[in-house]
Amino acid sequence: MTVAGADEATVQLADARAVRAARAAQNAAIVAGDLDTVTSFWTEDITVRRALGGPVTGRTAARAAFEPPIGSAALSPRIVYQRIPNEVEVSAQWPLAFESGVWEGREGTSNGPVIIGGRFSAQWVKRDGRWLIRSEVFVALTCAGAGCSLIAVP
């Protein structure tokens, strides 16, 4: 490996750590219900395919997906989502990274029972020295209790 190659590997490792740190910070913001911070990790044009199949385009729509429907608090508790990355791969050529892992939705709090979960992947882009999520795909694969009553988009 050349010195330049070693430098590139060091940068890639640092960038992978930065992506993981950004995901951890976003997870903490989700737990805290801090939607301003949650959305700060997304590009304006983010696209999301939600776990049960619904599409979301743009930061405003993605934020709305985290907001409970008006008057729903009495009907169902909040679901606290967490993403747990298994892999983060950073491109040596472009300011892009790929993340994959598992996600879970817990009823009420971050310590509540897991009622829905599955796998996810994300495309990250580095802009002005900061890693942002440009696209995410979530797939629901498991459920328990109230999570099993949720309906998938056919």
C-alpha atoms as a PDB file:
ATOM      1  CA  MET A   1       0.000   0.000   0.000  1.00  0.00           C
ATOM      2  CA  THR A   2       1.337   3.432  -0.885  1.00  0.00           C
ATOM      3  CA  VAL A   3       1.521   6.287   1.540  1.00  0.00           C
ATOM      4  CA  ALA A   4      -1.335   7.922  -0.378  1.00  0.00           C
ATOM      5  CA  GLY A   5      -3.281   4.664  -0.041  1.00  0.00           C
ATOM      6  CA  ALA A   6      -2.645   4.619   3.689  1.00  0.00           C
ATOM      7  CA  ASP A   7      -3.849   8.209   3.915  1.00  0.00           C
ATOM      8  CA  GLU A   8      -6.997   7.331   1.951  1.00  0.00           C
ATOM      9  CA  ALA A   9      -7.685   4.377   4.251  1.00  0.00           C
ATOM     10  CA  THR A  10      -7.270   6.618   7.295  1.00  0.00           C
ATOM     11  CA  VAL A  11      -9.692   9.162   5.834  1.00  0.00           C
ATOM     12  CA  GLN A  12     -12.207   6.419   4.986  1.00  0.00           C
ATOM     13  CA  LEU A  13     -12.003   5.033   8.523  1.00  0.00           C
ATOM     14  CA  ALA A  14     -12.472   8.509  10.014  1.00  0.00           C
ATOM     15  CA  ASP A  15     -15.419   9.134   7.695  1.00  0.00           C
ATOM     16  CA  ALA A  16     -17.028   5.794   8.629  1.00  0.00           C
ATOM     17  CA  ARG A  17     -16.685   6.762  12.293  1.00  0.00           C
ATOM     18  CA  ALA A  18     -18.229  10.153  11.525  1.00  0.00           C
ATOM     19  CA  VAL A  19     -21.227   8.468   9.832  1.00  0.00           C
ATOM     20  CA  ARG A  20     -21.690   6.175  12.837  1.00  0.00           C
ATOM     21  CA  ALA A  21     -21.449   9.159  15.206  1.00  0.00           C
ATOM     22  CA  ALA A  22     -24.026  11.062  13.153  1.00  0.00           C
ATOM     23  CA  ARG A  23     -26.389   8.072  13.274  1.00  0.00           C
ATOM     24  CA  ALA A  24     -25.924   7.788  17.049  1.00  0.00           C
ATOM     25  CA  ALA A  25     -26.677  11.498  17.455  1.00  0.00           C
ATOM     26  CA  GLN A  26     -29.783  11.193  15.288  1.00  0.00           C
ATOM     27  CA  ASN A  27     -30.932   8.178  17.319  1.00  0.00           C
ATOM     28  CA  ALA A  28     -30.504  10.200  20.524  1.00  0.00           C
ATOM     29  CA  ALA A  29     -32.557  13.025  19.007  1.00  0.00           C
ATOM     30  CA  ILE A  30     -35.310  10.559  18.059  1.00  0.00           C
ATOM     31  CA  VAL A  31     -35.423   9.270  21.650  1.00  0.00           C
ATOM     32  CA  ALA A  32     -35.574  12.858  22.937  1.00  0.00           C
ATOM     33  CA  GLY A  33     -38.319  13.784  20.460  1.00  0.00           C
ATOM     34  CA  ASP A  34     -36.092  16.601  19.133  1.00  0.00           C
ATOM     35  CA  LEU A  35     -37.322  16.703  15.539  1.00  0.00           C
ATOM     36  CA  ASP A  36     -35.234  19.759  14.634  1.00  0.00           C
ATOM     37  CA  THR A  37     -32.087  17.783  15.381  1.00  0.00           C
ATOM     38  CA  VAL A  38     -33.466  14.605  13.745  1.00  0.00           C
ATOM     39  CA  THR A  39     -34.052  16.500  10.500  1.00  0.00           C
ATOM     40  CA  SER A  40     -30.645  18.205  10.592  1.00  0.00           C
ATOM     41  CA  PHE A  41     -29.073  14.896   9.511  1.00  0.00           C
ATOM     42  CA  TRP A  42     -31.091  14.776   6.265  1.00  0.00           C
ATOM     43  CA  THR A  43     -30.526  16.524   2.952  1.00  0.00           C
ATOM     44  CA  GLU A  44     -33.385  18.778   1.840  1.00  0.00           C
ATOM     45  CA  ASP A  45     -34.249  16.287  -0.925  1.00  0.00           C
ATOM     46  CA  ILE A  46     -34.129  13.114   1.219  1.00  0.00           C
ATOM     47  CA  THR A  47     -36.120  10.143   0.004  1.00  0.00           C
ATOM     48  CA  VAL A  48     -37.347   7.462   2.386  1.00  0.00           C
ATOM     49  CA  ARG A  49     -39.167   4.223   1.748  1.00  0.00           C
ATOM     50  CA  ARG A  50     -40.849   3.576   5.077  1.00  0.00           C
ATOM     51  CA  ALA A  51     -40.809   0.141   6.684  1.00  0.00           C
ATOM     52  CA  LEU A  52     -44.302  -0.838   5.586  1.00  0.00           C
ATOM     53  CA  GLY A  53     -43.825   0.550   2.077  1.00  0.00           C
ATOM     54  CA  GLY A  54     -44.951   4.165   2.150  1.00  0.00           C
ATOM     55  CA  PRO A  55     -42.793   6.665   0.224  1.00  0.00           C
ATOM     56  CA  VAL A  56     -41.582   9.962   1.693  1.00  0.00           C
ATOM     57  CA  THR A  57     -39.874  12.711  -0.293  1.00  0.00           C
ATOM     58  CA  GLY A  58     -38.234  15.803   1.176  1.00  0.00           C
ATOM     59  CA  ARG A  59     -37.168  16.891   4.641  1.00  0.00           C
ATOM     60  CA  THR A  60     -40.544  18.422   5.546  1.00  0.00           C
ATOM     61  CA  ALA A  61     -42.437  15.237   4.689  1.00  0.00           C
ATOM     62  CA  ALA A  62     -39.862  13.069   6.471  1.00  0.00           C
ATOM     63  CA  ARG A  63     -40.217  15.191   9.597  1.00  0.00           C
ATOM     64  CA  ALA A  64     -44.007  14.894   9.419  1.00  0.00           C
ATOM     65  CA  ALA A  65     -43.633  11.099   9.420  1.00  0.00           C
ATOM     66  CA  PHE A  66     -42.123  11.387  12.919  1.00  0.00           C
ATOM     67  CA  GLU A  67     -44.888  13.620  14.258  1.00  0.00           C
ATOM     68  CA  PRO A  68     -47.813  11.847  15.891  1.00  0.00           C
ATOM     69  CA  PRO A  69     -51.157  12.473  14.205  1.00  0.00           C
ATOM     70  CA  ILE A  70     -53.201  15.170  15.948  1.00  0.00           C
ATOM     71  CA  GLY A  71     -55.356  13.630  18.658  1.00  0.00           C
ATOM     72  CA  SER A  72     -53.646  10.244  18.444  1.00  0.00           C
ATOM     73  CA  ALA A  73     -51.930  10.298  21.856  1.00  0.00           C
ATOM     74  CA  ALA A  74     -54.926   8.717  23.542  1.00  0.00           C
ATOM     75  CA  LEU A  75     -55.272   6.102  20.795  1.00  0.00           C
ATOM     76  CA  SER A  76     -51.740   4.735  20.697  1.00  0.00           C
ATOM     77  CA  PRO A  77     -48.409   5.348  22.388  1.00  0.00           C
ATOM     78  CA  ARG A  78     -45.440   6.849  20.591  1.00  0.00           C
ATOM     79  CA  ILE A  79     -43.134   4.463  18.735  1.00  0.00           C
ATOM     80  CA  VAL A  80     -39.461   5.231  19.355  1.00  0.00           C
ATOM     81  CA  TYR A  81     -37.352   4.169  16.380  1.00  0.00           C
ATOM     82  CA  GLN A  82     -33.673   3.308  16.528  1.00  0.00           C
ATOM     83  CA  ARG A  83     -31.290   2.409  13.733  1.00  0.00           C
ATOM     84  CA  ILE A  84     -28.434   0.081  14.599  1.00  0.00           C
ATOM     85  CA  PRO A  85     -25.765   0.063  11.891  1.00  0.00           C
ATOM     86  CA  ASN A  86     -23.945  -3.174  11.136  1.00  0.00           C
ATOM     87  CA  GLU A  87     -21.850  -1.812   8.282  1.00  0.00           C
ATOM     88  CA  VAL A  88     -20.691   1.571   7.019  1.00  0.00           C
ATOM     89  CA  GLU A  89     -18.674   1.645   3.802  1.00  0.00           C
ATOM     90  CA  VAL A  90     -17.188   4.923   2.580  1.00  0.00           C
ATOM     91  CA  SER A  91     -16.192   5.477  -1.039  1.00  0.00           C
ATOM     92  CA  ALA A  92     -12.529   6.234  -1.689  1.00  0.00           C
ATOM     93  CA  GLN A  93     -13.551   8.150  -4.828  1.00  0.00           C
ATOM     94  CA  TRP A  94     -16.710  10.102  -4.043  1.00  0.00           C
ATOM     95  CA  PRO A  95     -18.170  11.832  -0.978  1.00  0.00           C
ATOM     96  CA  LEU A  96     -20.613   8.935  -0.499  1.00  0.00           C
ATOM     97  CA  ALA A  97     -21.157   6.236   2.099  1.00  0.00           C
ATOM     98  CA  PHE A  98     -23.431   3.216   2.369  1.00  0.00           C
ATOM     99  CA  GLU A  99     -24.859   2.153   5.722  1.00  0.00           C
ATOM    100  CA  SER A 100     -26.829  -0.994   6.492  1.00  0.00           C
ATOM    101  CA  GLY A 101     -28.138  -2.532   9.655  1.00  0.00           C
ATOM    102  CA  VAL A 102     -31.225  -3.303  11.676  1.00  0.00           C
ATOM    103  CA  TRP A 103     -33.896  -1.015  13.066  1.00  0.00           C
ATOM    104  CA  GLU A 104     -36.476  -1.392  15.784  1.00  0.00           C
ATOM    105  CA  GLY A 105     -39.553   0.446  16.948  1.00  0.00           C
ATOM    106  CA  ARG A 106     -40.202   0.392  20.674  1.00  0.00           C
ATOM    107  CA  GLU A 107     -43.536   1.184  22.253  1.00  0.00           C
ATOM    108  CA  GLY A 108     -43.614   4.363  24.331  1.00  0.00           C
ATOM    109  CA  THR A 109     -39.939   4.821  25.202  1.00  0.00           C
ATOM    110  CA  SER A 110     -36.486   3.712  24.132  1.00  0.00           C
ATOM    111  CA  ASN A 111     -36.750   0.970  26.785  1.00  0.00           C
ATOM    112  CA  GLY A 112     -40.259  -0.143  25.842  1.00  0.00           C
ATOM    113  CA  PRO A 113     -41.030  -3.449  24.178  1.00  0.00           C
ATOM    114  CA  VAL A 114     -39.975  -3.849  20.548  1.00  0.00           C
ATOM    115  CA  ILE A 115     -43.205  -3.971  18.525  1.00  0.00           C
ATOM    116  CA  ILE A 116     -41.774  -3.749  15.004  1.00  0.00           C
ATOM    117  CA  GLY A 117     -38.362  -4.165  13.437  1.00  0.00           C
ATOM    118  CA  GLY A 118     -36.394  -5.098  10.380  1.00  0.00           C
ATOM    119  CA  ARG A 119     -33.486  -4.067   8.199  1.00  0.00           C
ATOM    120  CA  PHE A 120     -32.440  -0.757   6.671  1.00  0.00           C
ATOM    121  CA  SER A 121     -29.936   0.817   4.333  1.00  0.00           C
ATOM    122  CA  ALA A 122     -28.939   4.429   3.821  1.00  0.00           C
ATOM    123  CA  GLN A 123     -26.970   6.530   1.372  1.00  0.00           C
ATOM    124  CA  TRP A 124     -24.930   9.276   3.024  1.00  0.00           C
ATOM    125  CA  VAL A 125     -23.345  12.239   1.253  1.00  0.00           C
ATOM    126  CA  LYS A 126     -20.583  14.467   2.619  1.00  0.00           C
ATOM    127  CA  ARG A 127     -21.347  18.158   2.144  1.00  0.00           C
ATOM    128  CA  ASP A 128     -19.223  20.952   3.549  1.00  0.00           C
ATOM    129  CA  GLY A 129     -17.394  18.449   5.746  1.00  0.00           C
ATOM    130  CA  ARG A 130     -20.578  16.995   7.241  1.00  0.00           C
ATOM    131  CA  TRP A 131     -22.226  13.632   6.551  1.00  0.00           C
ATOM    132  CA  LEU A 132     -25.951  13.810   5.704  1.00  0.00           C
ATOM    133  CA  ILE A 133     -28.497  11.133   4.822  1.00  0.00           C
ATOM    134  CA  ARG A 134     -29.754  11.446   1.247  1.00  0.00           C
ATOM    135  CA  SER A 135     -31.814   8.265   1.059  1.00  0.00           C
ATOM    136  CA  GLU A 136     -33.061   5.527   3.382  1.00  0.00           C
ATOM    137  CA  VAL A 137     -34.918   2.254   2.847  1.00  0.00           C
ATOM    138  CA  PHE A 138     -36.514   0.431   5.766  1.00  0.00           C
ATOM    139  CA  VAL A 139     -38.149  -3.002   5.539  1.00  0.00           C
ATOM    140  CA  ALA A 140     -40.352  -4.329   8.343  1.00  0.00           C
ATOM    141  CA  LEU A 141     -39.677  -8.012   8.951  1.00  0.00           C
ATOM    142  CA  THR A 142     -40.868  -8.693  12.509  1.00  0.00           C
ATOM    143  CA  CYS A 143     -43.629  -7.532  14.825  1.00  0.00           C
ATOM    144  CA  ALA A 144     -45.140  -8.101  18.241  1.00  0.00           C
ATOM    145  CA  GLY A 145     -48.268  -6.839  19.974  1.00  0.00           C
ATOM    146  CA  ALA A 146     -49.619  -3.581  18.562  1.00  0.00           C
ATOM    147  CA  GLY A 147     -46.957  -3.581  15.830  1.00  0.00           C
ATOM    148  CA  CYS A 148     -48.653  -6.539  14.137  1.00  0.00           C
ATOM    149  CA  SER A 149     -51.806  -4.470  13.558  1.00  0.00           C
ATOM    150  CA  LEU A 150     -49.945  -1.978  11.357  1.00  0.00           C
ATOM    151  CA  ILE A 151     -50.763  -2.271   7.671  1.00  0.00           C
ATOM    152  CA  ALA A 152     -48.243  -2.560   4.841  1.00  0.00           C
ATOM    153  CA  VAL A 153     -48.647  -0.832   1.497  1.00  0.00           C
ATOM    154  CA  PRO A 154     -49.218  -3.631  -1.048  1.00  0.00           C
END
